[in-house]
N, C-alpha and C. Protein backbone atom coordinates (compact mmCIF):
# COMPACT_ATOMS: atom_id res chain seq x y z
N MET A 1 -47.84 -23.53 31.10
CA MET A 1 -46.35 -22.60 31.87
C MET A 1 -44.93 -23.95 31.44
N ILE A 2 -44.07 -23.28 31.17
CA ILE A 2 -42.80 -24.51 31.51
C ILE A 2 -42.14 -23.22 32.04
N ASN A 3 -40.74 -24.22 32.68
CA ASN A 3 -39.36 -22.99 32.42
C ASN A 3 -38.44 -23.96 32.39
N VAL A 4 -37.98 -23.02 31.22
CA VAL A 4 -36.93 -24.13 30.06
C VAL A 4 -35.86 -23.05 30.67
N GLY A 5 -35.00 -22.17 30.84
CA GLY A 5 -34.72 -21.08 31.74
C GLY A 5 -33.73 -22.46 32.40
N LEU A 6 -32.55 -21.83 32.53
CA LEU A 6 -31.05 -22.50 33.57
C LEU A 6 -31.22 -22.15 34.66
N GLY A 7 -32.84 -21.66 34.84
CA GLY A 7 -32.67 -21.36 36.65
C GLY A 7 -34.32 -21.18 37.28
N PRO A 8 -34.38 -20.66 38.31
CA PRO A 8 -35.65 -20.46 38.79
C PRO A 8 -36.33 -19.47 38.05
N ALA A 9 -37.85 -19.12 38.21
CA ALA A 9 -38.24 -17.94 37.36
C ALA A 9 -38.59 -16.94 38.41
N LEU A 10 -38.70 -16.11 38.88
CA LEU A 10 -38.90 -15.27 39.97
C LEU A 10 -39.92 -14.53 39.18
N ILE A 11 -41.13 -14.81 39.69
CA ILE A 11 -42.62 -14.05 39.26
C ILE A 11 -42.71 -12.20 39.64
N THR A 12 -42.66 -11.55 39.04
CA THR A 12 -42.87 -10.25 39.26
C THR A 12 -44.11 -9.77 39.06
N GLY A 13 -45.25 -10.17 38.50
CA GLY A 13 -46.55 -9.94 38.30
C GLY A 13 -47.25 -10.78 36.85
N THR A 14 -48.15 -10.24 37.39
CA THR A 14 -49.37 -10.98 36.59
C THR A 14 -50.48 -9.72 36.11
N ALA A 15 -51.04 -9.96 34.75
CA ALA A 15 -52.22 -9.62 34.15
C ALA A 15 -53.05 -10.26 34.06
N VAL A 16 -54.34 -10.27 33.59
CA VAL A 16 -55.12 -11.29 33.00
C VAL A 16 -55.96 -10.26 32.34
N THR A 17 -56.36 -10.50 31.38
CA THR A 17 -57.53 -9.70 30.47
C THR A 17 -58.55 -10.73 29.91
N LEU A 18 -59.94 -10.21 29.77
CA LEU A 18 -60.59 -10.82 29.55
C LEU A 18 -61.61 -9.62 27.69
N ASP A 19 -61.68 -10.48 27.12
CA ASP A 19 -62.08 -10.30 25.83
C ASP A 19 -61.06 -8.37 26.24
N GLY A 20 -60.03 -8.29 26.17
CA GLY A 20 -59.00 -7.02 25.97
C GLY A 20 -59.45 -6.67 27.28
N ARG A 21 -60.30 -6.92 28.49
CA ARG A 21 -60.42 -5.90 29.17
C ARG A 21 -59.10 -6.35 30.31
N PRO A 22 -58.55 -5.45 31.09
CA PRO A 22 -57.50 -6.12 31.72
C PRO A 22 -59.05 -6.72 33.37
N ILE A 23 -58.43 -7.52 33.94
CA ILE A 23 -59.25 -8.46 34.93
C ILE A 23 -58.38 -8.23 36.41
N GLY A 24 -57.16 -8.10 36.15
CA GLY A 24 -56.39 -8.44 37.16
C GLY A 24 -55.39 -9.17 37.05
N GLN A 25 -54.94 -9.40 38.53
CA GLN A 25 -53.37 -10.04 38.37
C GLN A 25 -53.68 -12.00 38.61
N TRP A 26 -53.20 -12.74 38.69
CA TRP A 26 -53.60 -13.85 37.79
C TRP A 26 -53.81 -14.83 39.52
N ASN A 27 -54.77 -14.30 40.12
CA ASN A 27 -54.49 -15.21 42.00
C ASN A 27 -56.01 -16.11 41.72
N LYS A 28 -56.24 -16.31 42.85
CA LYS A 28 -57.46 -16.97 43.60
C LYS A 28 -59.02 -15.98 43.47
N GLU A 29 -58.79 -14.46 43.69
CA GLU A 29 -59.99 -13.48 43.56
C GLU A 29 -60.19 -13.28 42.28
N THR A 30 -59.08 -13.39 41.21
CA THR A 30 -59.42 -12.97 39.98
C THR A 30 -60.14 -14.65 39.19
N TYR A 31 -59.61 -15.97 39.47
CA TYR A 31 -60.17 -16.46 38.99
C TYR A 31 -61.88 -16.95 39.57
N GLU A 32 -62.28 -16.61 40.53
CA GLU A 32 -62.82 -16.82 41.53
C GLU A 32 -64.14 -15.57 40.35
N THR A 33 -63.79 -14.86 40.31
CA THR A 33 -64.40 -13.65 39.51
C THR A 33 -64.48 -14.39 38.27
N LEU A 34 -64.17 -14.95 37.69
CA LEU A 34 -64.15 -15.10 36.39
C LEU A 34 -65.31 -16.02 36.19
N ALA A 35 -64.56 -17.35 36.78
CA ALA A 35 -65.21 -18.42 36.69
C ALA A 35 -66.35 -18.31 37.27
N ALA A 36 -67.24 -17.15 37.77
CA ALA A 36 -68.25 -17.51 38.40
C ALA A 36 -69.86 -17.52 37.78
N ASP A 37 -68.95 -16.95 36.36
CA ASP A 37 -69.73 -17.06 35.04
C ASP A 37 -69.99 -18.07 34.24
N TRP A 38 -69.22 -19.54 34.51
CA TRP A 38 -68.53 -20.19 33.45
C TRP A 38 -69.15 -21.27 33.49
N PRO A 39 -69.28 -22.07 32.74
CA PRO A 39 -70.63 -23.88 32.45
C PRO A 39 -70.11 -24.35 33.91
N ALA A 40 -68.55 -24.32 33.71
CA ALA A 40 -67.85 -25.68 34.56
C ALA A 40 -66.80 -24.51 35.62
N ALA A 41 -65.91 -25.37 36.71
CA ALA A 41 -65.26 -24.92 37.18
C ALA A 41 -63.47 -25.35 37.07
N PRO A 42 -63.40 -25.44 35.60
CA PRO A 42 -61.86 -25.91 36.14
C PRO A 42 -60.72 -25.74 37.04
N SER A 43 -59.89 -26.07 37.14
CA SER A 43 -58.79 -25.96 37.68
C SER A 43 -57.78 -25.16 37.86
N MET A 44 -57.31 -24.39 38.47
CA MET A 44 -56.17 -23.08 38.28
C MET A 44 -54.95 -23.54 39.15
N TYR A 45 -54.03 -22.46 38.60
CA TYR A 45 -52.47 -22.73 39.79
C TYR A 45 -52.59 -21.26 39.45
N ALA A 46 -51.94 -20.29 40.62
CA ALA A 46 -52.52 -19.36 40.72
C ALA A 46 -50.59 -18.69 41.29
N LEU A 47 -50.25 -17.61 40.75
CA LEU A 47 -49.18 -17.27 40.42
C LEU A 47 -49.06 -15.92 41.39
N PHE A 48 -47.97 -15.84 42.35
CA PHE A 48 -48.28 -14.62 42.95
C PHE A 48 -46.52 -14.26 42.74
N ASP A 49 -46.74 -12.28 43.60
CA ASP A 49 -45.59 -11.96 43.38
C ASP A 49 -44.34 -12.28 44.40
N GLY A 50 -43.04 -12.42 43.91
CA GLY A 50 -42.07 -12.99 44.42
C GLY A 50 -41.87 -14.45 45.14
N ILE A 51 -42.68 -15.68 44.02
CA ILE A 51 -42.35 -16.73 44.05
C ILE A 51 -41.54 -17.00 43.10
N ALA A 52 -40.57 -18.07 43.17
CA ALA A 52 -40.08 -18.73 42.48
C ALA A 52 -40.44 -20.46 41.71
N PHE A 53 -40.56 -20.12 40.73
CA PHE A 53 -41.67 -21.29 39.45
C PHE A 53 -39.98 -22.03 38.62
N PRO A 54 -39.63 -22.96 39.52
CA PRO A 54 -38.11 -23.81 39.27
C PRO A 54 -37.77 -24.21 37.83
N GLN A 55 -37.16 -24.77 37.67
CA GLN A 55 -36.34 -24.78 36.66
C GLN A 55 -36.41 -25.92 35.95
N GLY A 56 -37.58 -25.98 35.37
CA GLY A 56 -37.92 -27.59 34.02
C GLY A 56 -39.56 -27.83 34.73
N ALA A 57 -39.70 -27.27 35.60
CA ALA A 57 -41.05 -26.70 35.82
C ALA A 57 -42.28 -26.49 34.99
N CYS A 58 -43.41 -27.13 35.06
CA CYS A 58 -43.88 -27.60 33.75
C CYS A 58 -45.74 -27.74 34.50
N GLN A 59 -46.70 -26.57 34.65
CA GLN A 59 -47.76 -26.47 34.90
C GLN A 59 -48.66 -25.38 34.27
N TYR A 60 -50.40 -26.47 34.09
CA TYR A 60 -50.87 -25.53 33.77
C TYR A 60 -51.42 -24.46 34.75
N LEU A 61 -52.07 -23.25 34.06
CA LEU A 61 -52.67 -22.51 34.31
C LEU A 61 -54.03 -22.09 34.75
N ILE A 62 -54.29 -23.13 34.42
CA ILE A 62 -55.90 -23.38 34.00
C ILE A 62 -56.02 -24.64 33.36
N HIS A 63 -57.24 -25.33 33.74
CA HIS A 63 -57.05 -26.71 32.68
C HIS A 63 -58.53 -27.38 33.40
N LEU A 64 -59.18 -28.08 32.53
CA LEU A 64 -60.29 -29.11 33.09
C LEU A 64 -59.39 -30.35 33.20
N ASP A 65 -60.13 -31.33 34.32
CA ASP A 65 -59.33 -32.50 33.94
C ASP A 65 -60.05 -33.42 32.90
N GLU A 66 -61.05 -33.11 32.91
CA GLU A 66 -61.86 -34.36 32.05
C GLU A 66 -62.94 -33.38 31.24
N TYR A 67 -62.08 -33.13 29.67
CA TYR A 67 -62.13 -32.01 28.73
C TYR A 67 -62.50 -33.11 27.60
N ASP A 68 -63.27 -32.36 27.03
CA ASP A 68 -64.54 -32.90 26.00
C ASP A 68 -64.87 -32.43 24.89
N ASP A 69 -64.89 -32.39 23.89
CA ASP A 69 -64.22 -31.72 23.02
C ASP A 69 -65.64 -30.84 22.34
N ALA A 70 -67.36 -31.91 22.54
CA ALA A 70 -68.36 -31.11 22.48
C ALA A 70 -69.02 -30.35 23.59
N ALA A 71 -68.88 -30.66 24.91
CA ALA A 71 -69.48 -30.04 26.19
C ALA A 71 -68.39 -29.27 26.31
N HIS A 72 -67.13 -28.98 25.98
CA HIS A 72 -66.07 -27.91 26.37
C HIS A 72 -65.99 -26.65 25.18
N ALA A 73 -66.35 -27.12 23.99
CA ALA A 73 -66.27 -25.82 23.73
C ALA A 73 -66.28 -24.57 24.50
N TRP A 74 -67.21 -24.50 25.22
CA TRP A 74 -67.13 -22.72 25.71
C TRP A 74 -64.63 -22.89 25.82
N PHE A 75 -64.79 -23.18 26.83
CA PHE A 75 -63.32 -22.78 27.00
C PHE A 75 -62.68 -23.03 27.05
N TRP A 76 -62.68 -23.95 25.21
CA TRP A 76 -61.24 -24.15 24.03
C TRP A 76 -61.51 -22.02 23.60
N LYS A 77 -63.14 -21.73 23.40
CA LYS A 77 -62.76 -20.41 23.37
C LYS A 77 -62.06 -19.49 23.72
N LEU A 78 -62.61 -19.71 25.09
CA LEU A 78 -62.17 -19.39 26.49
C LEU A 78 -60.29 -19.14 26.44
N ILE A 79 -59.61 -19.93 26.07
CA ILE A 79 -58.49 -19.94 26.27
C ILE A 79 -57.64 -19.86 24.97
N CYS A 80 -58.65 -20.06 23.62
CA CYS A 80 -57.50 -19.28 22.94
C CYS A 80 -57.88 -17.89 22.24
N ARG A 81 -59.00 -17.44 22.30
CA ARG A 81 -59.39 -16.68 21.81
C ARG A 81 -59.65 -15.47 23.23
N ARG A 82 -59.92 -15.12 24.36
CA ARG A 82 -60.78 -14.90 25.19
C ARG A 82 -59.48 -13.89 25.98
N LEU A 83 -58.93 -15.18 26.78
CA LEU A 83 -58.40 -14.66 28.19
C LEU A 83 -57.09 -14.96 27.90
N SER A 84 -56.24 -13.44 28.52
CA SER A 84 -55.06 -13.80 27.60
C SER A 84 -54.16 -13.55 29.69
N ILE A 85 -53.49 -14.54 29.83
CA ILE A 85 -52.26 -14.18 30.86
C ILE A 85 -50.94 -13.88 31.25
N VAL A 86 -50.61 -12.88 30.96
CA VAL A 86 -49.21 -12.48 30.36
C VAL A 86 -49.03 -12.50 32.34
N ILE A 87 -47.19 -13.09 32.09
CA ILE A 87 -46.41 -13.19 32.98
C ILE A 87 -45.13 -12.38 33.13
N ASN A 88 -44.97 -11.47 34.00
CA ASN A 88 -43.58 -10.74 34.37
C ASN A 88 -43.02 -12.14 35.24
N TYR A 89 -41.41 -11.78 34.56
CA TYR A 89 -40.51 -12.69 35.69
C TYR A 89 -38.97 -12.08 35.50
N GLU A 90 -38.26 -12.35 36.54
CA GLU A 90 -37.33 -12.50 35.89
C GLU A 90 -35.89 -14.02 36.53
N SER A 91 -35.29 -13.39 36.07
CA SER A 91 -33.57 -14.89 36.62
C SER A 91 -33.52 -14.69 37.85
N PHE A 92 -32.93 -15.84 38.68
CA PHE A 92 -32.31 -15.31 39.97
C PHE A 92 -31.34 -14.38 40.23
N TYR A 93 -30.81 -13.76 39.73
CA TYR A 93 -29.79 -12.71 39.19
C TYR A 93 -30.98 -11.47 39.36
N GLY A 94 -32.16 -11.58 38.75
CA GLY A 94 -32.91 -10.45 38.76
C GLY A 94 -32.34 -9.22 37.95
N GLY A 95 -33.54 -7.91 37.53
CA GLY A 95 -33.43 -7.11 36.82
C GLY A 95 -33.31 -6.76 35.59
N GLU A 96 -34.26 -8.10 34.42
CA GLU A 96 -34.17 -8.44 33.79
C GLU A 96 -35.22 -7.37 32.79
N ASN A 97 -36.69 -7.87 33.48
CA ASN A 97 -37.99 -7.74 33.33
C ASN A 97 -38.16 -8.01 32.35
N LEU A 98 -37.97 -9.70 32.41
CA LEU A 98 -38.58 -10.80 31.39
C LEU A 98 -40.11 -10.71 31.31
N ARG A 99 -40.82 -11.07 30.30
CA ARG A 99 -42.54 -11.47 30.13
C ARG A 99 -42.88 -12.09 29.15
N ALA A 100 -43.67 -13.51 29.54
CA ALA A 100 -44.16 -14.52 28.35
C ALA A 100 -45.70 -13.79 28.89
N SER A 101 -45.72 -13.79 27.40
CA SER A 101 -47.41 -13.74 26.75
C SER A 101 -47.41 -15.06 25.99
N PRO A 102 -48.95 -15.26 25.99
CA PRO A 102 -49.31 -16.19 25.20
C PRO A 102 -49.10 -15.60 23.33
N PRO A 103 -48.92 -16.66 23.04
CA PRO A 103 -48.78 -16.68 21.31
C PRO A 103 -50.17 -16.50 20.31
N PRO A 104 -50.54 -15.52 19.53
CA PRO A 104 -51.51 -15.52 18.77
C PRO A 104 -51.75 -16.43 17.97
N ILE A 105 -53.10 -16.78 17.94
CA ILE A 105 -53.97 -17.69 17.94
C ILE A 105 -54.26 -18.17 16.51
C-alpha cells in the first residue's frame, strides 16, 4: 500500500475475501484465522478504522521476509489469486468515500 496523495488517507473500513468468500476486516483477528491454515506465518500490517496513513507512506499489508520461489509458491498464489483486501478511505477533508482494491492479475 502506497499513499501517493497530497495528504494522509483516513481509513474508514476494510474488507477481506478469500477465494471470493467474505472473511471480515483486515485486522489481527482475521489474519490469525487465515494464517492458522498456512504453511508459514507471514508478517502483516493491520488497518483499523480511523487511522491515518501518512502521505508518502509505503507498507506491505502482508509479506514474507525470506521469500523463496520454490518454498513459497503457496504464498504467491495466495496474494495473486486468492486473497483480496479492499481499503475504504477518505482525505483529511472527508466525505469522498474512496476505495483502493487490488488490480486483477
